[in-house]
Each structure stands twice: as C-alpha cells, then as structure tokens.
Amino acid sequence: MPASSRHGERGAARYDLLDAWRGLAMLWMTVFHFCFDLSHFDYWPQDFRADPFWTVQRTLIVSLFLLCAGLGQAVAWQQGVGWGRFFRRWGRIVGCALLVTAGSYAMFPRSFIYFGVLHGMALMLLVVRLTAGWGRWLWLAGLLAVASPWLAAWALEGPLAGWARYFNGHALNWLGWVSRKPFTEDYVPVFPWIGVMWWGMACGQWLLARRAPWIAGPLPRAAAPLAALGRYSLGYYMLHQPVMIGALMLWGWLGRP
C-alpha cells in the first residue's frame, strides 16, 4: 500500500496527507486542552476566555478541524461514498456529542456544552454534504457564512434589537447570529463555522480536480505518526480529556511536589 493513500471502511480510500493534517489539529488541541486543564485545577492560572493568546489558538484549531472535515467530504463526494456510510459515521459523531454534553454537565453544570464542536460538526456535515454540488459557489457561500455573525450582531444591537433576546437564547443561539455569546465551555455555532467547512469542501474539490498530488500525494515519513493519529480522530477526541483530567486529579490527590 503506497504511503499516499490506504483503504478504510468498505474499501473507500483515505489520503494520508489529509489524515496528517487532521492529526496535527488533534495534537495542537491536546496541548491546548492540557493547558486549559492546568488552569482549571489552579496549577497554571490562565484567562482562556479573554486572553488573545488562547482565544486565537482556539479559533485556529477549530478552523483546522473544520477545514479537514470539508476536505474529507470533498474526497467522499469524489469517491461516490453513499449516504449509508455517511450516516454511520454521522451517527457516531452525534452519539459522541451527546456524551460530551452529559460529561460537561457533570463537570460544569452552569456552563455545560450544548453546542460545541461535535454538535456543530454533526449539523454542518449534513448541510455541506447536501450542498456539495454547488461547486465554485461554495466559496461565496463560505464568505457569506463567515461574515453573517458580524452583520447579525450589528442588526441585533441596532434596528432589530427587539429580536436579540430570541437569538441570544438557547433556542436559537446555536445559529451564531447573536449579540452576546453564551456562557458555555465550548461554542461552535453554525455561523460562521459552516463557512470554514464550505471552504474546505471547495478547496478539496479544486485540489482533486487540478492539484491532486497536494492532497493525495506521498506522505513524508516523519509525518506518519500524525496520519495515524488523524485516522482515529473521533475516538482520540473523546478519550484525551478524560485521561488528562483523570491524571491531573490523581496528581492532586497524591499531592503537589
């Protein structure tokens, strides 16, 4: 099997380069979450809600995740992967999202995660799959999606201020058209983030049509561990925080040095 691709579930090809980018996002996320956990347990207090050093990193990590998801959907679209396989994967994401909600409620009952990255990804994957045939219009759709929260915030603070309480409430704030961000540990609303996934789909379609080696070419040997991590991204995502939190709790129980 060449280093550029391998066969995954039911013979569908996976591209190692794409898995490596996904693995890089996982590694970066792990470092970020470990720093967050250190802060949460008062080993290294940081302001993760307001300090640009952390907020910008979070934006970049989520962007890389969603770009990879869009690229992956472009590959699936090109390979003719059917809705059956799509929904098997999608169902696992939905199930994991519900587990994240339950786990975060146990740990952060006042700021639990009700629409985080997995919740948002589940909904966005459906939309991106349904709009895969838009072709080059995906670039414009992505731009409008990314810009829409700023327009919505302006409207809800101005001419549509009377609607702000509805869009800021739990029933609608998952859209991302808010004038005040909700108090939650993770918030990845549909807008602007679906724009990033649309751009990933558009970029993937362009690469596969015109620069296929950039996405399906050989993987440098040094990046092989990242590709291995990227192939099991969902399972790793679900396990890394419980393991790190458990380790830090054990460390605290044993006593700080």
Protein backbone atom coordinates (compact mmCIF):
# COMPACT_ATOMS: atom_id res chain seq x y z
CA MET A 1 0.00 0.00 0.00
CA PRO A 2 1.56 3.35 -1.01
CA ALA A 3 2.13 5.98 1.64
CA SER A 4 -0.20 8.39 -0.15
CA SER A 5 -3.45 6.53 0.47
CA ARG A 6 -4.96 3.44 2.03
CA HIS A 7 -8.35 1.81 2.11
CA GLY A 8 -10.65 2.45 5.03
CA GLU A 9 -14.17 1.31 5.77
CA ARG A 10 -15.70 -0.71 2.91
CA GLY A 11 -12.77 -0.03 0.60
CA ALA A 12 -13.04 3.76 0.46
CA ALA A 13 -9.61 5.32 0.06
CA ARG A 14 -8.14 7.55 2.75
CA TYR A 15 -5.43 10.07 2.00
CA ASP A 16 -2.53 10.07 4.42
CA LEU A 17 -1.78 13.76 3.86
CA LEU A 18 -5.29 14.69 4.92
CA ASP A 19 -5.07 12.39 7.93
CA ALA A 20 -1.77 14.03 8.88
CA TRP A 21 -3.37 17.49 8.86
CA ARG A 22 -6.19 16.12 10.98
CA GLY A 23 -3.62 14.58 13.32
CA LEU A 24 -1.84 17.93 13.60
CA ALA A 25 -5.12 19.51 14.68
CA MET A 26 -5.55 16.78 17.30
CA LEU A 27 -2.04 17.29 18.65
CA TRP A 28 -2.46 21.06 18.84
CA MET A 29 -5.84 20.60 20.52
CA THR A 30 -4.30 18.25 23.08
CA VAL A 31 -1.67 20.80 24.08
CA PHE A 32 -4.35 23.50 24.28
CA HIS A 33 -6.65 21.35 26.42
CA PHE A 34 -3.82 20.30 28.70
CA CYS A 35 -3.02 23.96 29.36
CA PHE A 36 -6.74 24.56 29.98
CA ASP A 37 -6.83 21.69 32.45
CA LEU A 38 -3.76 23.01 34.25
CA SER A 39 -5.55 26.33 34.61
CA HIS A 40 -8.80 24.70 35.73
CA PHE A 41 -7.01 22.85 38.54
CA ASP A 42 -5.06 26.02 39.51
CA TYR A 43 -1.67 24.65 38.54
CA TRP A 44 -1.18 27.41 35.96
CA PRO A 45 -3.97 30.04 36.04
CA GLN A 46 -4.76 31.50 32.63
CA ASP A 47 -7.62 33.52 31.12
CA PHE A 48 -8.86 31.24 28.35
CA ARG A 49 -11.97 33.34 27.74
CA ALA A 50 -10.30 36.69 27.06
CA ASP A 51 -6.54 36.33 26.52
CA PRO A 52 -5.88 36.56 22.74
CA PHE A 53 -3.02 34.09 23.09
CA TRP A 54 -5.61 31.43 23.88
CA THR A 55 -8.67 32.67 22.02
CA VAL A 56 -6.79 32.98 18.73
CA GLN A 57 -5.35 29.49 19.15
CA ARG A 58 -8.82 28.10 19.74
CA THR A 59 -10.07 29.77 16.56
CA LEU A 60 -7.18 28.34 14.55
CA ILE A 61 -7.62 24.83 15.97
CA VAL A 62 -11.36 24.75 15.25
CA SER A 63 -10.71 26.19 11.78
CA LEU A 64 -8.20 23.45 11.02
CA PHE A 65 -10.63 20.79 12.23
CA LEU A 66 -13.46 22.08 10.06
CA LEU A 67 -11.25 22.63 7.02
CA CYS A 68 -10.16 18.99 7.30
CA ALA A 69 -13.79 17.92 7.66
CA GLY A 70 -14.67 19.82 4.49
CA LEU A 71 -11.70 18.34 2.65
CA GLY A 72 -12.78 14.90 3.79
CA GLN A 73 -16.27 15.47 2.44
CA ALA A 74 -14.78 16.53 -0.89
CA VAL A 75 -12.87 13.24 -1.04
CA ALA A 76 -16.01 11.28 -0.12
CA TRP A 77 -18.00 13.16 -2.76
CA GLN A 78 -15.43 12.40 -5.44
CA GLN A 79 -15.33 8.72 -4.48
CA GLY A 80 -19.11 8.43 -4.56
CA VAL A 81 -19.43 7.43 -0.90
CA GLY A 82 -23.11 6.79 -0.27
CA TRP A 83 -25.46 8.12 2.36
CA GLY A 84 -25.37 4.82 4.26
CA ARG A 85 -21.69 5.13 5.11
CA PHE A 86 -22.10 8.84 5.73
CA PHE A 87 -24.83 8.25 8.30
CA ARG A 88 -22.87 5.52 10.07
CA ARG A 89 -20.07 7.98 10.69
CA TRP A 90 -22.51 10.81 11.38
CA GLY A 91 -24.34 8.72 13.97
CA ARG A 92 -21.10 8.17 15.88
CA ILE A 93 -20.46 11.92 15.90
CA VAL A 94 -23.97 12.62 17.21
CA GLY A 95 -23.57 9.99 19.92
CA CYS A 96 -20.24 11.44 20.99
CA ALA A 97 -21.73 14.94 21.03
CA LEU A 98 -24.39 13.75 23.47
CA LEU A 99 -21.71 12.19 25.65
CA VAL A 100 -19.81 15.49 25.65
CA THR A 101 -22.97 17.28 26.80
CA ALA A 102 -23.52 14.77 29.60
CA GLY A 103 -19.89 14.80 30.73
CA SER A 104 -19.58 18.57 30.65
CA TYR A 105 -22.83 18.93 32.60
CA ALA A 106 -21.38 16.74 35.33
CA MET A 107 -18.22 18.86 35.49
CA PHE A 108 -19.54 22.33 34.58
CA PRO A 109 -23.30 22.36 35.35
CA ARG A 110 -23.59 26.12 34.83
CA SER A 111 -21.61 26.24 31.59
CA PHE A 112 -22.03 22.77 30.11
CA ILE A 113 -21.51 22.19 26.39
CA TYR A 114 -24.77 22.06 24.46
CA PHE A 115 -23.49 23.12 21.03
CA GLY A 116 -19.77 22.54 20.85
CA VAL A 117 -17.52 21.36 18.06
CA LEU A 118 -19.10 17.90 17.68
CA HIS A 119 -22.66 19.25 17.83
CA GLY A 120 -21.82 21.88 15.25
CA MET A 121 -19.91 19.43 13.09
CA ALA A 122 -22.84 16.99 13.02
CA LEU A 123 -25.22 19.62 11.67
CA MET A 124 -22.69 21.23 9.35
CA LEU A 125 -21.68 17.90 7.81
CA LEU A 126 -25.29 17.33 6.78
CA VAL A 127 -25.55 20.75 5.17
CA VAL A 128 -22.17 20.51 3.45
CA ARG A 129 -22.99 17.06 2.11
CA LEU A 130 -26.29 18.33 0.70
CA THR A 131 -24.61 21.35 -0.91
CA ALA A 132 -21.56 19.55 -2.33
CA GLY A 133 -22.88 20.12 -5.84
CA TRP A 134 -22.65 23.89 -5.54
CA GLY A 135 -19.12 23.82 -6.93
CA ARG A 136 -17.43 27.21 -7.06
CA TRP A 137 -20.42 28.82 -5.34
CA LEU A 138 -19.20 27.18 -2.15
CA TRP A 139 -16.52 29.87 -1.93
CA LEU A 140 -19.15 32.62 -1.92
CA ALA A 141 -21.40 30.69 0.47
CA GLY A 142 -18.46 30.34 2.85
CA LEU A 143 -17.69 34.04 2.69
CA LEU A 144 -21.30 34.99 3.42
CA ALA A 145 -21.46 32.49 6.28
CA VAL A 146 -18.27 33.83 7.86
CA ALA A 147 -19.44 37.43 7.55
CA SER A 148 -23.02 36.87 8.71
CA PRO A 149 -22.43 36.90 12.52
CA TRP A 150 -20.98 40.40 12.35
CA LEU A 151 -23.96 41.60 10.33
CA ALA A 152 -26.33 39.85 12.73
CA ALA A 153 -24.65 41.39 15.78
CA TRP A 154 -24.96 44.85 14.22
CA ALA A 155 -28.64 44.28 13.46
CA LEU A 156 -29.44 42.85 16.90
CA GLU A 157 -27.75 45.77 18.61
CA GLY A 158 -29.49 48.26 16.33
CA PRO A 159 -32.58 48.03 14.13
CA LEU A 160 -33.53 44.51 15.27
CA ALA A 161 -32.70 44.94 18.96
CA GLY A 162 -36.13 43.65 19.91
CA TRP A 163 -35.22 40.26 18.49
CA ALA A 164 -31.94 39.97 20.40
CA ARG A 165 -33.42 38.08 23.34
CA TYR A 166 -34.70 35.38 20.99
CA PHE A 167 -31.48 34.92 19.03
CA ASN A 168 -29.36 35.09 22.20
CA GLY A 169 -31.47 32.41 23.91
CA HIS A 170 -30.74 28.69 23.88
CA ALA A 171 -33.43 28.02 21.29
CA LEU A 172 -31.59 29.95 18.55
CA ASN A 173 -28.06 30.84 19.66
CA TRP A 174 -26.73 27.66 18.03
CA LEU A 175 -27.11 29.58 14.77
CA GLY A 176 -24.38 32.02 15.83
CA TRP A 177 -26.41 35.12 15.00
CA VAL A 178 -26.13 36.62 18.47
CA SER A 179 -25.29 39.93 20.08
CA ARG A 180 -23.99 38.23 23.22
CA LYS A 181 -22.06 34.97 23.31
CA PRO A 182 -23.49 32.33 25.66
CA PHE A 183 -21.67 31.21 28.79
CA THR A 184 -20.55 27.71 27.88
CA GLU A 185 -17.31 25.74 27.85
CA ASP A 186 -17.39 25.22 24.08
CA TYR A 187 -19.43 27.06 21.48
CA VAL A 188 -19.17 26.29 17.76
CA PRO A 189 -22.34 27.66 16.17
CA VAL A 190 -23.38 27.06 12.59
CA PHE A 191 -22.38 30.58 11.57
CA PRO A 192 -19.58 31.47 10.94
CA TRP A 193 -18.16 27.96 11.19
CA ILE A 194 -20.06 26.32 8.36
CA GLY A 195 -18.29 28.81 6.13
CA VAL A 196 -14.95 27.25 7.05
CA MET A 197 -16.26 23.77 6.26
CA TRP A 198 -17.70 25.01 2.95
CA TRP A 199 -14.28 26.43 2.12
CA GLY A 200 -12.76 23.05 2.98
CA MET A 201 -15.18 21.35 0.59
CA ALA A 202 -14.50 23.92 -2.14
CA CYS A 203 -10.74 23.66 -1.63
CA GLY A 204 -10.89 19.87 -1.69
CA GLN A 205 -12.89 19.80 -4.91
CA TRP A 206 -10.44 22.22 -6.53
CA LEU A 207 -7.40 20.25 -5.36
CA LEU A 208 -8.79 16.91 -6.51
CA ALA A 209 -9.61 18.35 -9.92
CA ARG A 210 -6.42 20.35 -10.50
CA ARG A 211 -3.73 19.55 -7.92
CA ALA A 212 -4.50 16.01 -6.75
CA PRO A 213 -0.93 15.28 -5.51
CA TRP A 214 -1.29 18.11 -3.00
CA ILE A 215 -3.92 16.08 -1.16
CA ALA A 216 -3.31 12.53 -2.39
CA GLY A 217 0.46 12.60 -2.79
CA PRO A 218 3.07 10.73 -0.74
CA LEU A 219 3.39 11.46 2.95
CA PRO A 220 6.80 12.33 4.44
CA ARG A 221 7.87 9.52 6.75
CA ALA A 222 8.26 11.94 9.66
CA ALA A 223 4.55 12.78 9.43
CA ALA A 224 3.38 9.15 9.61
CA PRO A 225 2.54 9.36 13.36
CA LEU A 226 0.31 12.36 12.68
CA ALA A 227 -1.52 10.45 9.95
CA ALA A 228 -2.02 7.51 12.31
CA LEU A 229 -3.50 9.86 14.90
CA GLY A 230 -5.73 11.50 12.30
CA ARG A 231 -7.23 8.17 11.28
CA TYR A 232 -8.68 7.73 14.77
CA SER A 233 -9.55 11.35 15.46
CA LEU A 234 -13.03 10.83 16.91
CA GLY A 235 -12.01 8.17 19.41
CA TYR A 236 -8.95 10.17 20.40
CA TYR A 237 -11.04 13.31 20.79
CA MET A 238 -13.39 11.55 23.19
CA LEU A 239 -10.64 9.97 25.30
CA HIS A 240 -7.93 12.60 25.57
CA GLN A 241 -9.68 14.92 28.02
CA PRO A 242 -10.90 12.24 30.47
CA VAL A 243 -7.38 10.80 30.53
CA MET A 244 -5.70 14.16 31.14
CA ILE A 245 -8.28 15.30 33.69
CA GLY A 246 -8.03 11.97 35.50
CA ALA A 247 -4.24 12.19 35.56
CA LEU A 248 -4.31 15.72 36.99
CA MET A 249 -6.89 14.74 39.60
CA LEU A 250 -4.69 11.81 40.60
CA TRP A 251 -1.68 14.11 40.73
CA GLY A 252 -3.59 16.47 43.01
CA TRP A 253 -4.74 13.60 45.20
CA LEU A 254 -1.19 12.32 45.57
CA GLY A 255 -0.07 15.83 46.49
CA ARG A 256 1.82 18.52 44.65
CA PRO A 257 5.61 18.40 44.89
